[in-house]
Amino acid sequence: MEPMTVNQLLSSVRVFFKFMVRMDHYTANPLKDIPPMPEHSFAPFIFSPKQTDQLVEAVCKRIRKEPRHYLKDLSEYTAIVLMARCGLRIKEPLRLQFHHYRCRERTIYIEKTKFNKDRLIPVPKSVAAELDNYLAVRNAFMGEYHQNPYLLVRNRQKGLSAPRLRFVFHRAVKDIGVDQPRQVIGHMIFASPTPHSLRHSFAVNTLKRIKERGDRPQHALPVLAAYLGHQIYQHTAKYLKFIDAEQRQGLFDFVISQKEDI
C-alpha cells in the first residue's frame, strides 16, 4: 500500500486502542510509539488555461444533435464547464437543485458538500451565459413546469451520474492528447488527469493570473479558499507550490531525467 494509506490505517487503529485504554481493556496503546511512514510528495496534474479550453471544447464537440441525446449531453457539458471554470468538485454540479442557480445575481448556491459546508459563489459571465443557454434548452425539452428537482438532468426524472461524467472527462482528455498514467518516481507521485484536476487547475491558474497582474497570490488565499469551500485557507496555500502547468511539467521532466539516480 501507499505510505499515506498505511499512515491512515495506523492512525485509525491508534485511535481504537486509545479508546480501549480509556475503557481499561488495555494498559497501554501498542501503537503509541510506531512512527508514520515517510509519505510521497504529490504533484497533481495541472491543466494550462489553453488545455482547459481545449478540454471544454472537446466535450462540446461530442454533444450529439439527436433529440434523445441532446439534453443529456448538454447537461454533461455544462457540468464540465462548472468544474473547469468555477473549480467545483465532481459531485457538486450533480447535486445542484434547480433553484440553486440564481440567474439574475449570477450566483450558485452549493449546499452541504465536503465538511458539510454551504457556500454561495459568483460565476463568470461566460459561465452564466452557458447556464442560461442550457436552461433555455431544458425548458424547450421538458417544459417550464417540470418535476425534476435537479439543475443538470439526464432525463425528466433523473439527474446526472458521477461515473458517466468521469467517462466524459477521460474521453475528452484522450481527445486532446494529454492522457498520461500516474507515476511514482522516488518519493514523488505525479498524478494522472482526473476530474479533480480541473479543480486544482482552476486554483493554480487563478493564482497565476493574480501574480501576472502584479499582485501577491498569498493575499488572495483566504478569498480563494472560501470560493473553493476549503475548511481552512492554509489548505489552499499548497497551490502556491505549482504556480502554473509549465512548472509542474518542468519538475516532471527533471525527475524523469534523474530517474536512474533516484
Protein backbone atom coordinates (compact mmCIF):
# COMPACT_ATOMS: atom_id res chain seq x y z
CA MET A 1 0.00 0.00 0.00
CA GLU A 2 0.96 3.65 -0.39
CA PRO A 3 2.62 5.21 2.69
CA MET A 4 -0.32 7.61 3.04
CA THR A 5 -2.76 4.70 3.17
CA VAL A 6 -0.62 2.88 5.74
CA ASN A 7 -0.48 6.00 7.91
CA GLN A 8 -4.24 6.45 7.72
CA LEU A 9 -4.76 2.85 8.84
CA LEU A 10 -2.25 3.23 11.67
CA SER A 11 -3.99 6.40 12.78
CA SER A 12 -7.39 4.71 12.84
CA VAL A 13 -6.10 1.70 14.78
CA ARG A 14 -4.22 4.00 17.17
CA VAL A 15 -7.47 5.84 17.94
CA PHE A 16 -9.22 2.50 18.53
CA PHE A 17 -6.60 1.41 21.07
CA LYS A 18 -6.79 4.80 22.79
CA PHE A 19 -10.45 4.00 23.33
CA MET A 20 -9.54 0.50 24.61
CA VAL A 21 -7.10 2.02 27.11
CA ARG A 22 -9.73 4.51 28.22
CA MET A 23 -12.16 1.62 28.82
CA ASP A 24 -9.47 -0.24 30.85
CA HIS A 25 -9.27 -3.14 28.38
CA TYR A 26 -5.59 -2.31 27.74
CA THR A 27 -2.99 -0.72 29.98
CA ALA A 28 -1.09 0.94 27.12
CA ASN A 29 -1.61 1.76 23.45
CA PRO A 30 0.53 -0.73 21.44
CA LEU A 31 0.72 1.70 18.52
CA LYS A 32 1.80 4.68 20.60
CA ASP A 33 5.47 4.64 19.56
CA ILE A 34 5.10 3.34 15.99
CA PRO A 35 6.26 6.19 13.73
CA PRO A 36 4.45 7.08 10.49
CA MET A 37 5.97 6.04 7.19
CA PRO A 38 7.60 8.80 5.13
CA GLU A 39 4.99 9.90 2.63
CA HIS A 40 5.49 10.72 -1.03
CA SER A 41 5.23 14.28 -2.24
CA PHE A 42 2.20 14.71 -4.50
CA ALA A 43 2.18 16.66 -7.75
CA PRO A 44 -1.37 16.93 -9.13
CA PHE A 45 -1.94 17.11 -12.86
CA ILE A 46 -2.41 20.76 -13.82
CA PHE A 47 -4.20 21.83 -17.00
CA SER A 48 -2.86 25.03 -18.51
CA PRO A 49 -5.53 27.63 -19.44
CA LYS A 50 -5.13 26.57 -23.09
CA GLN A 51 -5.54 22.88 -22.23
CA THR A 52 -8.62 23.69 -20.13
CA ASP A 53 -10.15 25.49 -23.13
CA GLN A 54 -9.28 22.54 -25.37
CA LEU A 55 -10.87 20.05 -22.97
CA VAL A 56 -14.09 22.05 -22.68
CA GLU A 57 -14.21 22.38 -26.47
CA ALA A 58 -13.61 18.62 -26.89
CA VAL A 59 -16.61 17.87 -24.65
CA CYS A 60 -18.70 20.37 -26.60
CA LYS A 61 -17.83 18.69 -29.91
CA ARG A 62 -19.08 15.37 -28.53
CA ILE A 63 -22.62 16.70 -27.93
CA ARG A 64 -24.94 14.63 -30.09
CA LYS A 65 -27.61 16.57 -32.01
CA GLU A 66 -30.29 13.86 -31.93
CA PRO A 67 -33.19 14.94 -29.67
CA ARG A 68 -32.98 11.84 -27.46
CA HIS A 69 -29.33 12.57 -26.61
CA TYR A 70 -29.02 16.34 -26.88
CA LEU A 71 -30.27 17.47 -23.44
CA LYS A 72 -28.27 14.81 -21.54
CA ASP A 73 -25.07 15.58 -23.47
CA LEU A 74 -25.57 19.32 -22.96
CA SER A 75 -26.06 18.70 -19.22
CA GLU A 76 -22.77 16.79 -19.08
CA TYR A 77 -21.01 19.57 -20.97
CA THR A 78 -22.42 22.18 -18.57
CA ALA A 79 -21.21 20.15 -15.56
CA ILE A 80 -17.68 20.04 -17.03
CA VAL A 81 -17.84 23.81 -17.61
CA LEU A 82 -18.73 24.38 -13.94
CA MET A 83 -15.86 22.17 -12.80
CA ALA A 84 -13.35 23.82 -15.14
CA ARG A 85 -14.44 27.46 -14.79
CA CYS A 86 -15.58 27.51 -11.14
CA GLY A 87 -13.42 24.83 -9.51
CA LEU A 88 -16.33 22.66 -8.39
CA ARG A 89 -15.81 19.13 -7.07
CA ILE A 90 -17.31 16.46 -9.33
CA LYS A 91 -20.34 15.82 -7.11
CA GLU A 92 -21.17 19.50 -6.61
CA PRO A 93 -22.71 20.22 -10.05
CA LEU A 94 -24.51 16.87 -9.91
CA ARG A 95 -26.24 17.77 -6.62
CA LEU A 96 -27.31 21.25 -7.64
CA GLN A 97 -31.03 21.78 -7.35
CA PHE A 98 -32.90 23.82 -9.93
CA HIS A 99 -33.33 26.75 -7.56
CA HIS A 100 -29.63 26.83 -6.57
CA TYR A 101 -28.73 28.83 -9.69
CA ARG A 102 -29.82 32.45 -9.38
CA CYS A 103 -29.59 33.82 -12.89
CA ARG A 104 -30.23 37.47 -12.02
CA GLU A 105 -27.42 37.50 -9.45
CA ARG A 106 -25.22 35.12 -11.48
CA THR A 107 -24.59 33.02 -8.36
CA ILE A 108 -24.72 29.33 -7.45
CA TYR A 109 -25.61 28.07 -4.01
CA ILE A 110 -23.66 24.90 -3.17
CA GLU A 111 -25.23 23.04 -0.27
CA LYS A 112 -23.70 20.60 2.24
CA THR A 113 -20.68 19.34 0.35
CA LYS A 114 -17.32 18.29 1.84
CA PHE A 115 -17.00 19.22 5.54
CA ASN A 116 -20.80 19.70 5.45
CA LYS A 117 -20.31 23.29 4.35
CA ASP A 118 -22.55 25.57 2.29
CA ARG A 119 -21.29 28.36 0.09
CA LEU A 120 -22.65 30.92 -2.34
CA ILE A 121 -20.32 31.67 -5.25
CA PRO A 122 -20.49 34.14 -8.13
CA VAL A 123 -19.98 32.68 -11.59
CA PRO A 124 -18.20 34.39 -14.51
CA LYS A 125 -20.35 35.97 -17.22
CA SER A 126 -19.27 33.29 -19.70
CA VAL A 127 -20.42 30.52 -17.35
CA ALA A 128 -23.71 32.32 -16.67
CA ALA A 129 -24.26 32.50 -20.45
CA GLU A 130 -23.67 28.73 -20.70
CA LEU A 131 -26.13 28.08 -17.86
CA ASP A 132 -28.76 30.38 -19.37
CA ASN A 133 -28.40 28.63 -22.73
CA TYR A 134 -28.72 25.24 -21.03
CA LEU A 135 -31.86 26.32 -19.15
CA ALA A 136 -33.45 27.54 -22.39
CA VAL A 137 -32.80 24.14 -23.97
CA ARG A 138 -34.02 22.35 -20.85
CA ASN A 139 -37.28 24.30 -20.86
CA ALA A 140 -37.74 23.57 -24.56
CA PHE A 141 -37.35 19.83 -23.96
CA MET A 142 -39.06 19.47 -20.57
CA GLY A 143 -41.40 22.42 -20.33
CA GLU A 144 -41.34 25.23 -17.79
CA TYR A 145 -43.30 23.29 -15.16
CA HIS A 146 -41.16 20.16 -14.79
CA GLN A 147 -40.92 17.80 -11.83
CA ASN A 148 -37.18 17.04 -11.90
CA PRO A 149 -35.58 18.93 -8.98
CA TYR A 150 -32.01 18.78 -10.35
CA LEU A 151 -30.45 21.63 -12.28
CA LEU A 152 -28.48 19.29 -14.58
CA VAL A 153 -30.64 16.43 -15.79
CA ARG A 154 -30.27 13.14 -17.61
CA ASN A 155 -33.98 12.89 -18.39
CA ARG A 156 -37.30 14.03 -16.95
CA GLN A 157 -36.85 12.03 -13.75
CA LYS A 158 -33.11 11.71 -13.09
CA GLY A 159 -30.01 13.83 -12.64
CA LEU A 160 -26.53 13.09 -13.96
CA SER A 161 -24.26 10.39 -12.51
CA ALA A 162 -20.63 10.72 -11.45
CA PRO A 163 -19.42 7.61 -13.35
CA ARG A 164 -20.83 8.96 -16.60
CA LEU A 165 -19.25 12.37 -16.01
CA ARG A 166 -15.88 10.71 -15.36
CA PHE A 167 -16.23 8.84 -18.65
CA VAL A 168 -16.96 12.10 -20.49
CA PHE A 169 -13.94 13.75 -18.86
CA HIS A 170 -11.47 10.93 -19.64
CA ARG A 171 -12.71 10.68 -23.22
CA ALA A 172 -12.04 14.40 -23.68
CA VAL A 173 -8.58 14.02 -22.11
CA LYS A 174 -7.75 11.42 -24.74
CA ASP A 175 -9.24 13.61 -27.47
CA ILE A 176 -6.82 16.45 -26.67
CA GLY A 177 -3.83 14.13 -26.18
CA VAL A 178 -2.90 14.79 -22.53
CA ASP A 179 -3.77 11.35 -21.15
CA GLN A 180 -0.86 10.02 -19.11
CA PRO A 181 -0.53 7.39 -16.37
CA ARG A 182 0.10 8.06 -12.70
CA GLN A 183 3.79 7.64 -11.91
CA VAL A 184 5.69 7.18 -8.65
CA ILE A 185 9.33 8.21 -9.01
CA GLY A 186 11.45 8.22 -5.89
CA HIS A 187 9.40 9.99 -3.23
CA MET A 188 7.30 11.92 -5.76
CA ILE A 189 3.85 10.99 -7.08
CA PHE A 190 2.91 12.54 -10.42
CA ALA A 191 -0.85 12.19 -10.74
CA SER A 192 -2.71 11.37 -13.93
CA PRO A 193 -5.50 13.68 -15.14
CA THR A 194 -8.71 13.18 -13.16
CA PRO A 195 -11.89 15.26 -12.90
CA HIS A 196 -10.47 16.74 -9.67
CA SER A 197 -7.53 18.04 -11.74
CA LEU A 198 -9.89 20.68 -13.10
CA ARG A 199 -10.35 22.00 -9.55
CA HIS A 200 -6.58 22.02 -8.94
CA SER A 201 -6.06 23.76 -12.28
CA PHE A 202 -8.70 26.39 -11.55
CA ALA A 203 -6.94 27.27 -8.29
CA VAL A 204 -3.44 27.32 -9.77
CA ASN A 205 -4.44 29.30 -12.86
CA THR A 206 -6.35 31.81 -10.70
CA LEU A 207 -3.23 32.42 -8.58
CA LYS A 208 -1.13 32.70 -11.74
CA ARG A 209 -3.41 35.44 -13.15
CA ILE A 210 -3.18 37.33 -9.86
CA LYS A 211 0.62 37.14 -9.99
CA GLU A 212 0.72 38.25 -13.64
CA ARG A 213 -1.24 41.42 -12.89
CA GLY A 214 1.35 42.37 -10.26
CA ASP A 215 -0.44 41.36 -7.07
CA ARG A 216 0.74 38.85 -4.44
CA PRO A 217 -1.03 35.46 -4.73
CA GLN A 218 -0.67 34.93 -0.96
CA HIS A 219 -3.09 37.79 -0.31
CA ALA A 220 -5.80 36.05 -2.34
CA LEU A 221 -5.67 32.75 -0.46
CA PRO A 222 -8.47 33.45 2.08
CA VAL A 223 -10.87 34.52 -0.70
CA LEU A 224 -9.92 31.62 -2.95
CA ALA A 225 -10.32 29.20 -0.01
CA ALA A 226 -13.84 30.50 0.66
CA TYR A 227 -14.70 30.21 -3.05
CA LEU A 228 -13.44 26.60 -3.20
CA GLY A 229 -15.06 25.66 0.10
CA HIS A 230 -11.86 24.74 1.95
CA GLN A 231 -12.27 24.38 5.69
CA ILE A 232 -9.17 26.47 6.44
CA TYR A 233 -7.39 28.65 3.93
CA GLN A 234 -3.96 27.15 4.70
CA HIS A 235 -5.06 24.12 2.68
CA THR A 236 -5.30 26.42 -0.33
CA ALA A 237 -1.68 27.51 0.13
CA LYS A 238 -0.47 24.20 -1.34
CA TYR A 239 -1.34 25.56 -4.78
CA LEU A 240 1.47 28.09 -4.44
CA LYS A 241 3.90 25.19 -4.99
CA PHE A 242 2.76 24.94 -8.61
CA ILE A 243 2.04 28.39 -9.95
CA ASP A 244 1.47 27.06 -13.47
CA ALA A 245 1.27 23.88 -15.54
CA GLU A 246 4.67 24.52 -17.13
CA GLN A 247 6.39 24.46 -13.73
CA ARG A 248 4.79 21.14 -12.91
CA GLN A 249 5.80 19.72 -16.29
CA GLY A 250 9.33 21.02 -15.82
CA LEU A 251 9.59 19.24 -12.48
CA PHE A 252 8.28 16.04 -14.07
CA ASP A 253 10.82 16.24 -16.92
CA PHE A 254 13.65 16.86 -14.45
CA VAL A 255 12.69 13.89 -12.26
CA ILE A 256 12.42 11.64 -15.32
CA SER A 257 15.90 12.71 -16.43
CA GLN A 258 17.26 11.83 -12.97
CA LYS A 259 15.23 8.64 -12.61
CA GLU A 260 18.24 6.29 -12.52
CA ASP A 261 19.91 8.33 -9.76
CA ILE A 262 16.68 8.46 -7.76
